[in-house]
Every structure is written in C-alpha cells, then in structure tokens.
C-alpha cells in the first residue's frame, strides 16, 4: 500500500454555488483533460471506544464502482492552516478493512494494538464527486473535487456540499492563491473539520469543545525563521480550532480562545517585526485587529455576565431588580455573539485566512532586500530569545515599579506590557529548564490576573453605561439599582485587588529572570 503526503484545502459552500465553481475561468484555464464524475460510498471504521480517533488515525474503505479502496490517514502537522496528513491507500477485496495489507509497520501495529478484531463501521459518507486535474503555470499540479451528498451516523445525517483542492506536486501556495481567486466570485467558508471529524461529531452528538493554547516545544538550534513559522502556524491552528465552537454554540470560551489566538499572533509577529517587510507585517496586524474588534463585544459581555454580574446577583438573590438586568445583559450578549459569528462568515475573514496561509507556505518575508536585520532570520533562535525576553521584562519592571501610584491609564499600559511578556515567556520557555521558569511564570501570572480584574471593573462601568443608553432618553432603567449594586460591589473589591497588586509586583521584581545563566 503506497504512502503519500496529503495536503488538502477543503471549503464548504451552498449547493447553488457548487456548480458555479467548475465553470469559473480560474478553473477552466487550469483544467487538464476531462472531468470525471463518480458515486462514492465510504465507510469509516473504529473500535467501540473510538481508539483510532484518539490516536489521530482515520480508517476507511471506499467503494468506487465495483472496486474497494482502503485508506488510512494520520495527521502529522499543518501548513498554512490546512492539515498535512500521511496517507496510505490501496485496494482491498471487500468493504471490510484489511489491516495486513498496510505496509507501514508502525501504522499497522497502532491499529492492531487498538484492537483489529474490535473494528466496526461507525459512520459512512455517500457523495457524488466531480473531479478535475489542474495544472498551474509553474508546473504545480492539483486535483479539484466537488462533493455533494451526506454523512450518515446511525439514525442521524447531515448534508455535504464542499470542494477540495489537493496538491499532487509543486508549491502549496498555489492552492491558497487559487482558493482566493474562487472566493472573489463564489462565496465559501474554509472548512475547519474533515468529513471524518464531522462524522464523529454526528455520531456522538457532542457539542464542539473550545481548545486552549498548547505550548510549543522549540529547539535552540532552530533558526529564527523556523520559530517564526512555527509560532504563527500554531496561533493560526489555535484560532481555527475554535471556529466551530463560536459558530454553533454560545460557549464563552470559544470567543475567548479565538481572541487569545489573535493576541498571540500579534505578539509573535511583533517579536520578529524588525526582520519582516513592513507592508506584510502591517496587513496581518491590521486584519488581526479587525477580527479582534469583531469578537471583543462578545468577550466583554461574557465577562460581565459571568464574572461581574453573576456573583453579585447570587448575593442579592431576593432582589427582583436583578431579573431585568440579567435579561438585558443576556439580550445584548446574544447580539454580540451573533456579531462574532457574522464576522467569521464574512469574505474578509476567509481572505485573511487564505492570505496568511499563503504567506506562511511561501515564506513571503524572504522577498525583501538583504540587510543585517533580515539575515537574522537565519540565525539560531537561541542567539536572540534572551534579548527578546529581556526587553519585555525590562519594560514591565520599569512601568510597574511604582504600581501603587499608577493611574488607571498607566495600569492599563502595564497590563498590556505584562501580556506581551507572558506571551514571550510561553513562546520561549521550552528552551530553558522547567524548574527555572516555574517561579517566574507563576508570579507573572498572578500580576496579570490582578491587572485583568481591575480592567474588568473599569469595563463594567462602561458596559452598564452602554446598556442604559440603549433605551434612549427615558427614565432610569428598571435595573438601575441592581446595576449600581454590581458596580459598587466590584469597586469595593478593587481596593483589595490593588493592595494585592503591590505584593504581586514586588514578587515579580524579586524574581530572577530564568534565562540568565541558562
């Protein structure tokens, strides 16, 4: 069974748009040979406890005409926001899996260890596929598949309507460029889930879960360019992993994690800003800021509802004025979540993902004059990360040394400086012994939490003012007293929080930076 590296871009769109794709000039001028149409029935297999899924494996047998083809996929990495999978594919005699024909020993043993005798059908896809071979000017070749049909899991089903661009040879950036051309005419959304992932979701009926940032393990001999690529890719993966949560649920954590991913993306780019072309840096940051602003209202109202209003409403459970306040907050909260969903559904968001992915896969930052700053991209990261950490550490120490007397505006600036330092620590701490970084990270996290709370208290006043203003020039809202109680309770709590900040800042000032002497 041959082993291939699969690089595939998948997009979802409406049935009325699918036919338009095949007739686009961008497709027609690159099509080689005739289009092929076939009916594909694919059965996915796993153990009753879904052990293959846990291992990151996908096992399927597809009926193509009278023949059966078995395919095993293992996701290894991502490239510009699309998965890069190792794929093993070959003929089998029937609809049942044949593990013995898999030539890759490691993969075969993984399936056998999961329980070859326990494999069973878990769901299937029935699609009509129209396929074309594409050839680009530089010789890059790819396939275009247009699928319409359904996923069926037990008694549940959902429609499939998508196109897939799969690289056969050449430059991956061509997939992103072509998708961008298609998007200028036919609206679509980049798919964040494969058919297999959708099948499991349909089978289990579980809501999608938010995904938090997972720290990278960097190596000191990696170049600055390699680390830049890894960090931006990691942030892009984090962003996209939470799309479905925001689109299909009201889980506050989904919006929060998308905003965290965007902030980390900007922080990563800022670390390497001197070595990047200004126009490239500028458009990425501008688009990240736009998307952050579209998500910000939802995050602000989530925090107010869950962390500011809820504890006070519980204390005053008998006060009926909290009922209209809670209802008013929930209404504007729902509106802000819809705004976030609308942003993710825009052409602008899709274009942002495609351009950023193309930028990553083509390493477009190399298209600039060679200078002392640009050649740093080829240096080992170990030669630079201490300097980057030291600069951000110095800013925090300088801004926070007199924290007890800082104004609200100065505290806000300190909070941003602490965030930038915290992100840099998260990015680079794997290059240093864990024991050395632990105390530093702990004290920094305490300072960040305290500054974050004070920011939430200030934001609560602003949000209550906005909420009162939605009623126009009328009498005070029915919840005015409850709003005052909420604001007053947190203002009082903020006094103690400021006292703790002085101690938290002192702890940071006493802590030796972990990168010294490493």
Protein backbone atom coordinates (compact mmCIF):
# COMPACT_ATOMS: atom_id res chain seq x y z
CA UNK A 1 0.00 0.00 0.00
CA UNK A 2 1.70 3.26 -1.10
CA UNK A 3 2.34 6.07 1.37
CA UNK A 4 1.68 9.68 0.33
CA UNK A 5 1.83 13.12 1.89
CA UNK A 6 -1.64 14.65 1.61
CA UNK A 7 -2.01 18.44 1.52
CA UNK A 8 -5.66 19.33 1.05
CA UNK A 9 -7.67 22.54 1.26
CA UNK A 10 -11.37 21.99 1.93
CA UNK A 11 -14.17 24.56 1.68
CA UNK A 12 -17.91 24.45 2.34
CA UNK A 13 -20.49 26.35 0.30
CA UNK A 14 -24.13 26.28 -0.75
CA UNK A 15 -25.40 23.78 -3.36
CA UNK A 16 -26.32 26.66 -5.65
CA UNK A 17 -22.67 27.80 -5.60
CA UNK A 18 -21.09 24.40 -6.22
CA UNK A 19 -21.97 24.32 -9.91
CA UNK A 20 -20.51 27.79 -10.38
CA UNK A 21 -17.06 26.66 -9.23
CA UNK A 22 -16.48 24.23 -12.11
CA UNK A 23 -17.35 26.90 -14.69
CA UNK A 24 -15.03 29.60 -13.33
CA UNK A 25 -12.34 30.84 -15.75
CA UNK A 26 -9.76 30.26 -12.96
CA UNK A 27 -10.67 26.56 -13.06
CA UNK A 28 -11.22 26.12 -16.78
CA UNK A 29 -7.87 27.60 -17.81
CA UNK A 30 -6.00 25.21 -15.49
CA UNK A 31 -8.02 22.04 -16.18
CA UNK A 32 -6.16 19.22 -17.89
CA UNK A 33 -8.21 16.51 -19.61
CA UNK A 34 -11.86 15.76 -18.96
CA UNK A 35 -13.82 15.97 -15.73
CA UNK A 36 -14.74 12.69 -14.06
CA UNK A 37 -17.94 12.03 -12.10
CA UNK A 38 -18.44 9.10 -9.71
CA UNK A 39 -20.59 7.91 -6.86
CA UNK A 40 -18.52 7.27 -3.71
CA UNK A 41 -19.76 5.32 -0.71
CA UNK A 42 -17.23 5.41 2.11
CA UNK A 43 -17.47 3.52 5.40
CA UNK A 44 -15.33 4.62 8.35
CA UNK A 45 -14.20 2.07 10.92
CA UNK A 46 -13.14 2.35 14.55
CA UNK A 47 -13.32 0.44 17.81
CA UNK A 48 -16.41 0.82 20.05
CA UNK A 49 -14.45 3.24 22.27
CA UNK A 50 -13.06 5.15 19.25
CA UNK A 51 -9.44 4.28 19.94
CA UNK A 52 -8.31 5.08 16.39
CA UNK A 53 -9.75 8.56 16.68
CA UNK A 54 -7.86 9.08 19.92
CA UNK A 55 -4.64 8.08 18.16
CA UNK A 56 -5.28 10.60 15.37
CA UNK A 57 -5.98 7.86 12.83
CA UNK A 58 -8.73 7.61 10.25
CA UNK A 59 -9.53 4.22 8.66
CA UNK A 60 -11.98 3.95 5.80
CA UNK A 61 -12.97 1.64 2.97
CA UNK A 62 -14.47 3.29 -0.11
CA UNK A 63 -16.49 1.65 -2.85
CA UNK A 64 -15.60 3.08 -6.26
CA UNK A 65 -17.65 1.36 -8.95
CA UNK A 66 -17.17 -2.34 -8.25
CA UNK A 67 -13.79 -1.91 -6.54
CA UNK A 68 -12.93 -1.26 -2.90
CA UNK A 69 -10.12 1.03 -1.77
CA UNK A 70 -8.84 1.19 1.80
CA UNK A 71 -7.30 4.38 3.13
CA UNK A 72 -5.60 5.16 6.43
CA UNK A 73 -4.74 8.75 7.35
CA UNK A 74 -2.57 10.12 10.13
CA UNK A 75 -2.48 13.89 10.67
CA UNK A 76 1.11 14.98 11.29
CA UNK A 77 1.18 18.76 11.03
CA UNK A 78 -0.46 21.77 9.44
CA UNK A 79 0.67 24.00 6.63
CA UNK A 80 -0.80 27.47 6.49
CA UNK A 81 -3.95 26.37 8.27
CA UNK A 82 -4.58 23.16 6.32
CA UNK A 83 -3.74 19.69 7.62
CA UNK A 84 -0.78 17.77 6.27
CA UNK A 85 -1.54 14.07 6.56
CA UNK A 86 0.31 10.89 5.81
CA UNK A 87 -2.00 8.76 3.69
CA UNK A 88 -1.77 5.03 2.97
CA UNK A 89 -4.13 3.83 0.24
CA UNK A 90 -4.62 0.60 -1.71
CA UNK A 91 -7.15 -1.94 -2.99
CA UNK A 92 -8.87 -4.47 -0.71
CA UNK A 93 -11.17 -7.36 -1.67
CA UNK A 94 -14.31 -6.21 0.14
CA UNK A 95 -15.95 -3.49 2.23
CA UNK A 96 -14.18 -4.87 5.32
CA UNK A 97 -10.80 -3.47 6.40
CA UNK A 98 -7.67 -5.50 5.62
CA UNK A 99 -5.01 -4.41 8.10
CA UNK A 100 -2.45 -6.94 6.89
CA UNK A 101 -2.00 -5.16 3.55
CA UNK A 102 -0.75 -1.96 5.24
CA UNK A 103 2.99 -1.93 4.53
CA UNK A 104 3.87 0.74 7.10
CA UNK A 105 4.76 -1.29 10.20
CA UNK A 106 4.20 1.47 12.75
CA UNK A 107 0.76 2.26 11.43
CA UNK A 108 -0.25 -1.39 11.17
CA UNK A 109 0.86 -2.01 14.75
CA UNK A 110 -1.05 1.02 16.02
CA UNK A 111 -4.28 -0.34 14.54
CA UNK A 112 -3.57 -3.85 15.79
CA UNK A 113 -2.84 -2.54 19.26
CA UNK A 114 -6.10 -0.59 19.25
CA UNK A 115 -7.87 -3.85 18.55
CA UNK A 116 -8.08 -5.10 14.97
CA UNK A 117 -10.73 -7.63 15.97
CA UNK A 118 -12.85 -4.85 17.51
CA UNK A 119 -13.10 -2.71 14.39
CA UNK A 120 -16.64 -1.91 13.31
CA UNK A 121 -18.41 0.56 10.99
CA UNK A 122 -19.09 3.84 12.80
CA UNK A 123 -20.47 6.08 10.05
CA UNK A 124 -20.46 6.50 6.29
CA UNK A 125 -20.48 9.17 3.60
CA UNK A 126 -22.48 8.98 0.36
CA UNK A 127 -21.35 11.61 -2.15
CA UNK A 128 -21.43 12.35 -5.84
CA UNK A 129 -17.96 13.58 -6.76
CA UNK A 130 -16.92 15.57 -9.82
CA UNK A 131 -13.13 15.65 -10.23
CA UNK A 132 -10.66 17.62 -12.33
CA UNK A 133 -6.89 17.68 -12.68
CA UNK A 134 -5.39 21.16 -12.56
CA UNK A 135 -2.02 22.37 -13.79
CA UNK A 136 -0.55 25.77 -12.91
CA UNK A 137 1.90 27.94 -14.86
CA UNK A 138 4.86 26.87 -12.73
CA UNK A 139 4.13 23.18 -13.24
CA UNK A 140 2.34 22.65 -9.91
CA UNK A 141 -0.46 20.10 -10.23
CA UNK A 142 -3.51 19.58 -8.06
CA UNK A 143 -6.90 17.92 -8.10
CA UNK A 144 -10.24 19.65 -7.63
CA UNK A 145 -13.07 17.54 -6.21
CA UNK A 146 -16.62 18.86 -5.88
CA UNK A 147 -18.68 16.74 -3.48
CA UNK A 148 -22.39 16.78 -2.76
CA UNK A 149 -24.15 14.20 -0.61
CA UNK A 150 -24.47 13.33 3.07
CA UNK A 151 -22.81 11.93 6.18
CA UNK A 152 -24.82 9.22 7.94
CA UNK A 153 -24.18 8.08 11.51
CA UNK A 154 -26.74 5.65 12.93
CA UNK A 155 -30.10 7.49 12.65
CA UNK A 156 -28.61 10.94 12.12
CA UNK A 157 -27.41 12.59 8.93
CA UNK A 158 -26.20 15.94 7.65
CA UNK A 159 -25.53 17.28 4.15
CA UNK A 160 -22.14 17.55 2.48
CA UNK A 161 -21.50 20.29 -0.05
CA UNK A 162 -17.86 21.20 -0.49
CA UNK A 163 -14.91 21.46 -2.78
CA UNK A 164 -11.44 20.10 -2.10
CA UNK A 165 -8.17 21.23 -3.61
CA UNK A 166 -5.47 18.60 -3.11
CA UNK A 167 -1.83 19.18 -4.02
CA UNK A 168 -0.32 16.49 -6.24
CA UNK A 169 3.07 18.12 -6.87
CA UNK A 170 4.68 21.52 -6.61
CA UNK A 171 4.06 24.59 -4.45
CA UNK A 172 1.33 24.51 -1.76
CA UNK A 173 0.88 28.27 -2.05
CA UNK A 174 -0.88 27.69 -5.38
CA UNK A 175 -3.81 26.10 -3.52
CA UNK A 176 -4.31 29.22 -1.43
CA UNK A 177 -3.94 31.54 -4.40
CA UNK A 178 -6.50 29.60 -6.42
CA UNK A 179 -8.92 29.43 -3.48
CA UNK A 180 -8.61 33.20 -3.18
CA UNK A 181 -9.45 33.56 -6.88
CA UNK A 182 -12.51 31.34 -6.43
CA UNK A 183 -13.59 33.37 -3.40
CA UNK A 184 -13.67 36.58 -5.43
CA UNK A 185 -16.63 35.15 -7.35
CA UNK A 186 -18.14 32.32 -5.31
CA UNK A 187 -18.57 32.78 -1.54
CA UNK A 188 -17.38 29.89 0.61
CA UNK A 189 -16.02 29.18 4.08
CA UNK A 190 -12.84 27.25 4.71
CA UNK A 191 -13.79 24.01 6.46
CA UNK A 192 -12.32 23.55 9.91
CA UNK A 193 -13.42 19.89 10.12
CA UNK A 194 -12.79 16.92 7.84
CA UNK A 195 -15.57 14.54 6.83
CA UNK A 196 -14.21 12.10 9.42
CA UNK A 197 -14.34 14.72 12.19
CA UNK A 198 -17.87 15.67 11.16
CA UNK A 199 -18.87 12.02 11.18
CA UNK A 200 -17.64 11.53 14.73
CA UNK A 201 -19.40 14.72 15.85
CA UNK A 202 -22.63 13.49 14.29
CA UNK A 203 -22.19 10.07 15.88
CA UNK A 204 -21.51 11.29 19.41
CA UNK A 205 -23.82 14.33 19.26
CA UNK A 206 -21.30 16.16 21.42
CA UNK A 207 -21.01 19.91 21.21
CA UNK A 208 -17.65 21.08 19.85
CA UNK A 209 -15.25 21.89 22.66
CA UNK A 210 -13.05 25.01 22.88
CA UNK A 211 -9.33 24.41 22.62
CA UNK A 212 -6.83 26.30 24.75
CA UNK A 213 -3.37 27.31 23.66
CA UNK A 214 -0.87 24.47 23.89
CA UNK A 215 2.76 25.44 24.37
CA UNK A 216 5.25 24.56 21.68
CA UNK A 217 8.47 22.66 22.30
CA UNK A 218 11.14 24.60 20.46
CA UNK A 219 14.78 23.62 19.97
CA UNK A 220 17.67 26.03 20.40
CA UNK A 221 19.29 25.21 17.08
CA UNK A 222 16.11 26.10 15.18
CA UNK A 223 16.51 29.27 13.14
CA UNK A 224 14.60 32.46 13.83
CA UNK A 225 12.70 31.87 10.59
CA UNK A 226 11.70 28.35 11.65
CA UNK A 227 10.46 29.60 15.01
CA UNK A 228 8.54 32.44 13.37
CA UNK A 229 6.85 29.93 11.09
CA UNK A 230 6.04 27.56 13.95
CA UNK A 231 4.63 30.29 16.19
CA UNK A 232 2.42 31.86 13.52
CA UNK A 233 1.22 28.43 12.38
CA UNK A 234 0.46 27.46 15.98
CA UNK A 235 -1.57 30.62 16.52
CA UNK A 236 -3.45 30.05 13.27
CA UNK A 237 -4.26 26.47 14.32
CA UNK A 238 -5.47 27.75 17.71
CA UNK A 239 -7.71 30.31 16.02
CA UNK A 240 -9.29 27.83 13.62
CA UNK A 241 -9.73 25.12 16.26
CA UNK A 242 -12.29 27.35 17.99
CA UNK A 243 -14.27 28.48 14.94
CA UNK A 244 -16.91 25.76 15.17
CA UNK A 245 -17.48 26.46 18.87
CA UNK A 246 -18.24 30.12 18.12
CA UNK A 247 -20.39 29.32 15.08
CA UNK A 248 -22.54 26.61 16.67
CA UNK A 249 -22.66 27.32 20.42
CA UNK A 250 -22.84 30.18 22.90
CA UNK A 251 -19.86 28.85 24.85
CA UNK A 252 -18.00 31.92 26.09
CA UNK A 253 -14.68 30.10 25.96
CA UNK A 254 -14.77 29.77 22.17
CA UNK A 255 -14.75 33.54 21.60
CA UNK A 256 -12.17 33.96 24.35
CA UNK A 257 -9.79 31.42 22.80
CA UNK A 258 -10.12 32.98 19.33
CA UNK A 259 -9.17 36.35 20.81
CA UNK A 260 -6.26 34.78 22.70
CA UNK A 261 -5.05 33.24 19.43
CA UNK A 262 -5.19 36.62 17.70
CA UNK A 263 -3.35 38.37 20.53
CA UNK A 264 -0.66 35.70 20.49
CA UNK A 265 -0.39 36.02 16.72
CA UNK A 266 0.23 39.74 17.02
CA UNK A 267 2.69 39.19 19.88
CA UNK A 268 4.61 36.61 17.84
CA UNK A 269 4.82 38.91 14.82
CA UNK A 270 5.92 41.82 16.97
CA UNK A 271 8.86 39.77 18.26
CA UNK A 272 10.20 39.47 14.72
CA UNK A 273 8.93 42.76 13.32
CA UNK A 274 12.40 44.20 12.52
CA UNK A 275 13.09 41.31 10.13
CA UNK A 276 9.73 41.41 8.33
CA UNK A 277 8.72 43.59 5.35
CA UNK A 278 6.66 46.48 6.78
CA UNK A 279 3.77 46.05 4.32
CA UNK A 280 3.44 42.33 5.12
CA UNK A 281 3.58 42.93 8.85
CA UNK A 282 1.10 45.78 8.51
CA UNK A 283 -1.69 43.93 6.72
CA UNK A 284 -1.54 40.87 9.00
CA UNK A 285 -1.73 43.02 12.13
CA UNK A 286 -4.48 45.20 10.66
CA UNK A 287 -6.65 42.19 9.81
CA UNK A 288 -5.98 40.59 13.20
CA UNK A 289 -7.05 43.84 14.89
CA UNK A 290 -10.23 43.96 12.79
CA UNK A 291 -11.21 40.42 13.74
CA UNK A 292 -10.34 41.04 17.40
CA UNK A 293 -12.63 44.07 17.42
CA UNK A 294 -15.48 41.98 15.96
CA UNK A 295 -15.08 39.45 18.77
CA UNK A 296 -14.45 41.96 21.56
CA UNK A 297 -18.06 42.84 22.37
CA UNK A 298 -18.95 39.18 22.86
CA UNK A 299 -15.98 38.67 25.16
CA UNK A 300 -16.75 41.85 27.14
CA UNK A 301 -20.37 40.87 27.76
CA UNK A 302 -19.40 37.28 28.59
CA UNK A 303 -17.01 38.51 31.27
CA UNK A 304 -19.54 40.99 32.63
CA UNK A 305 -22.33 38.38 32.76
CA UNK A 306 -20.30 35.52 34.21
CA UNK A 307 -17.70 37.24 36.36
CA UNK A 308 -19.15 40.65 37.29
CA UNK A 309 -22.93 40.25 37.40
CA UNK A 310 -23.41 36.59 38.39
CA UNK A 311 -21.63 36.64 41.80
CA UNK A 312 -23.40 39.85 42.87
CA UNK A 313 -26.81 38.61 41.66
CA UNK A 314 -26.26 35.49 43.74
CA UNK A 315 -25.55 37.59 46.84
CA UNK A 316 -28.74 39.59 46.26
CA UNK A 317 -30.86 36.65 45.12
CA UNK A 318 -34.02 38.16 46.62
CA UNK A 319 -33.62 41.49 44.83
CA UNK A 320 -36.05 41.40 41.88
CA UNK A 321 -34.20 44.18 40.06
CA UNK A 322 -31.52 41.70 39.06
CA UNK A 323 -34.04 39.87 36.88
CA UNK A 324 -34.42 42.70 34.29
CA UNK A 325 -30.68 43.42 34.48
CA UNK A 326 -29.81 39.80 33.76
CA UNK A 327 -32.33 39.72 30.90
CA UNK A 328 -30.98 42.95 29.38
CA UNK A 329 -27.40 41.70 29.61
CA UNK A 330 -28.32 38.36 28.05
CA UNK A 331 -30.01 40.09 25.14
CA UNK A 332 -27.03 42.25 24.27
CA UNK A 333 -24.74 39.30 24.91
CA UNK A 334 -26.59 37.24 22.31
CA UNK A 335 -26.40 40.13 19.85
CA UNK A 336 -22.65 40.41 20.33
CA UNK A 337 -22.19 36.65 19.80
CA UNK A 338 -24.12 36.96 16.55
CA UNK A 339 -21.77 39.74 15.52
CA UNK A 340 -18.85 37.38 16.14
CA UNK A 341 -20.49 34.64 14.08
CA UNK A 342 -21.21 37.10 11.28
CA UNK A 343 -17.54 38.15 11.20
CA UNK A 344 -16.36 34.55 10.87
CA UNK A 345 -18.79 34.11 7.99
CA UNK A 346 -17.51 37.09 6.01
CA UNK A 347 -15.46 37.02 2.84
CA UNK A 348 -12.94 39.21 4.65
CA UNK A 349 -12.28 36.54 7.28
CA UNK A 350 -11.83 33.81 4.67
CA UNK A 351 -9.46 36.03 2.69
CA UNK A 352 -7.47 36.75 5.86
CA UNK A 353 -7.00 33.01 6.45
CA UNK A 354 -6.03 32.37 2.83
CA UNK A 355 -3.55 35.24 2.61
CA UNK A 356 -1.96 34.38 5.94
CA UNK A 357 -1.71 30.73 4.91
CA UNK A 358 -0.16 31.68 1.56
CA UNK A 359 2.29 33.97 3.36
CA UNK A 360 3.37 31.13 5.62
CA UNK A 361 3.63 28.40 3.00
CA UNK A 362 5.60 30.55 0.54
CA UNK A 363 7.76 32.25 3.22
CA UNK A 364 6.92 35.52 1.53
CA UNK A 365 9.04 37.51 4.00
CA UNK A 366 12.10 36.39 2.01
CA UNK A 367 11.01 38.75 -0.78
CA UNK A 368 12.91 41.77 0.54
CA UNK A 369 16.40 43.30 0.34
CA UNK A 370 19.14 41.51 2.27
CA UNK A 371 20.17 43.58 5.30
CA UNK A 372 21.67 42.93 8.71
CA UNK A 373 18.15 42.75 10.16
CA UNK A 374 16.72 40.39 7.57
CA UNK A 375 19.65 37.97 7.79
CA UNK A 376 18.83 37.46 11.48
CA UNK A 377 16.06 35.18 10.28
CA UNK A 378 18.76 32.60 9.54
CA UNK A 379 20.39 32.81 12.99
CA UNK A 380 19.71 30.19 15.68
CA UNK A 381 16.81 31.31 17.89
CA UNK A 382 18.94 30.72 20.98
CA UNK A 383 21.06 33.71 19.99
CA UNK A 384 18.05 36.05 20.08
CA UNK A 385 15.39 34.84 22.51
CA UNK A 386 17.22 36.12 25.62
CA UNK A 387 17.36 39.60 24.12
CA UNK A 388 13.66 39.48 23.25
CA UNK A 389 12.71 38.30 26.74
CA UNK A 390 14.99 40.80 28.46
CA UNK A 391 13.48 43.74 26.59
CA UNK A 392 9.92 42.84 27.64
CA UNK A 393 10.97 42.04 31.19
CA UNK A 394 12.68 45.42 31.48
CA UNK A 395 9.53 47.22 30.30
CA UNK A 396 7.37 45.52 32.90
CA UNK A 397 9.81 46.27 35.72
CA UNK A 398 10.14 49.90 34.67
CA UNK A 399 6.40 50.51 34.28
CA UNK A 400 5.38 48.64 37.42
CA UNK A 401 7.98 49.72 39.92
CA UNK A 402 5.68 52.41 41.38
CA UNK A 403 2.48 50.42 40.86
CA UNK A 404 0.74 51.73 43.98
CA UNK A 405 0.60 55.24 42.50
CA UNK A 406 -0.23 54.42 38.89
CA UNK A 407 -3.27 55.94 37.22
CA UNK A 408 -5.94 53.80 35.60
CA UNK A 409 -4.44 54.54 32.18
CA UNK A 410 -0.95 53.60 33.37
CA UNK A 411 -2.26 50.35 34.87
CA UNK A 412 -3.84 49.56 31.53
CA UNK A 413 -0.48 50.07 29.77
CA UNK A 414 1.23 47.91 32.38
CA UNK A 415 -1.35 45.16 31.78
CA UNK A 416 -0.54 45.17 28.05
CA UNK A 417 3.19 45.05 28.79
CA UNK A 418 2.69 42.08 31.13
CA UNK A 419 0.67 40.28 28.44
CA UNK A 420 3.43 40.79 25.89
CA UNK A 421 5.97 39.44 28.34
CA UNK A 422 3.75 36.49 29.28
CA UNK A 423 3.32 35.52 25.63
CA UNK A 424 7.08 35.73 25.01
CA UNK A 425 7.67 33.51 28.05
CA UNK A 426 5.13 31.00 26.76
CA UNK A 427 6.80 31.02 23.35
CA UNK A 428 10.37 30.50 24.56
CA UNK A 429 10.33 28.82 27.96
CA UNK A 430 10.69 25.35 26.42
CA UNK A 431 14.27 26.36 25.55
CA UNK A 432 15.11 26.59 29.28
CA UNK A 433 14.90 24.20 32.24
CA UNK A 434 11.31 23.97 33.53
CA UNK A 435 12.36 24.45 37.16
CA UNK A 436 13.98 27.80 36.38
CA UNK A 437 10.93 29.16 34.57
CA UNK A 438 8.26 27.94 37.02
CA UNK A 439 8.53 30.63 39.72
CA UNK A 440 8.87 33.44 37.20
CA UNK A 441 5.80 32.29 35.28
CA UNK A 442 3.78 31.88 38.48
CA UNK A 443 4.44 35.42 39.72
CA UNK A 444 3.85 36.89 36.28
CA UNK A 445 0.50 35.08 36.01
CA UNK A 446 -0.58 36.47 39.40
CA UNK A 447 0.25 40.02 38.31
CA UNK A 448 -1.60 39.54 35.01
CA UNK A 449 -4.72 38.21 36.77
CA UNK A 450 -4.80 41.15 39.17
CA UNK A 451 -4.41 43.73 36.43
CA UNK A 452 -7.04 41.89 34.39
CA UNK A 453 -9.55 42.13 37.23
CA UNK A 454 -9.07 45.90 37.57
CA UNK A 455 -9.58 46.22 33.83
CA UNK A 456 -12.82 44.21 34.10
CA UNK A 457 -14.07 46.52 36.87
CA UNK A 458 -13.42 49.57 34.71
CA UNK A 459 -15.07 47.86 31.74
CA UNK A 460 -18.17 47.04 33.83
CA UNK A 461 -18.87 50.74 34.36
CA UNK A 462 -18.58 51.35 30.62
CA UNK A 463 -20.84 48.43 29.72
CA UNK A 464 -23.54 49.47 32.20
CA UNK A 465 -23.46 52.94 30.68
CA UNK A 466 -23.87 51.48 27.20
CA UNK A 467 -26.72 49.28 28.38
CA UNK A 468 -28.54 52.23 29.94
CA UNK A 469 -28.07 54.22 26.74
CA UNK A 470 -29.85 51.64 24.59
CA UNK A 471 -33.19 52.81 25.96
CA UNK A 472 -32.86 56.38 24.70
CA UNK A 473 -33.88 59.47 26.72
CA UNK A 474 -36.19 57.71 29.14
CA UNK A 475 -36.48 57.22 32.86
CA UNK A 476 -33.75 55.20 34.57
CA UNK A 477 -34.00 51.53 33.60
CA UNK A 478 -35.75 49.08 35.91
CA UNK A 479 -32.41 47.50 36.71
CA UNK A 480 -30.64 50.76 37.67
CA UNK A 481 -30.37 49.86 41.38
CA UNK A 482 -29.08 46.36 40.55
CA UNK A 483 -26.53 47.88 38.19
CA UNK A 484 -25.35 50.24 40.91
CA UNK A 485 -25.01 47.37 43.37
CA UNK A 486 -22.95 45.39 40.84
CA UNK A 487 -20.62 48.29 40.06
CA UNK A 488 -20.25 49.28 43.71
CA UNK A 489 -19.53 45.73 44.87
CA UNK A 490 -16.67 45.38 42.40
CA UNK A 491 -15.30 48.86 43.04
CA UNK A 492 -15.00 47.92 46.68
CA UNK A 493 -13.34 44.61 45.79
CA UNK A 494 -10.95 46.53 43.54
CA UNK A 495 -9.48 48.30 46.60
CA UNK A 496 -8.22 44.99 47.97
CA UNK A 497 -7.16 43.92 44.49
CA UNK A 498 -4.92 46.99 44.20
CA UNK A 499 -3.28 46.13 47.50
CA UNK A 500 -2.55 42.62 46.23
CA UNK A 501 -1.12 44.08 43.03
CA UNK A 502 1.61 45.81 45.04
CA UNK A 503 2.60 42.42 46.50
CA UNK A 504 2.38 40.69 43.13
CA UNK A 505 4.59 43.33 41.52
CA UNK A 506 7.09 43.06 44.37
CA UNK A 507 7.25 39.29 43.82
CA UNK A 508 7.99 39.83 40.13
CA UNK A 509 10.70 42.37 40.94
CA UNK A 510 12.35 39.90 43.34
CA UNK A 511 12.26 37.00 40.88
CA UNK A 512 15.42 36.39 38.90
CA UNK A 513 14.76 36.06 35.15
CA UNK A 514 15.04 32.37 34.28
CA UNK A 515 17.02 32.97 31.09
CA UNK A 516 20.08 34.34 32.89
CA UNK A 517 22.91 31.88 33.06
CA UNK A 518 20.95 29.24 31.16
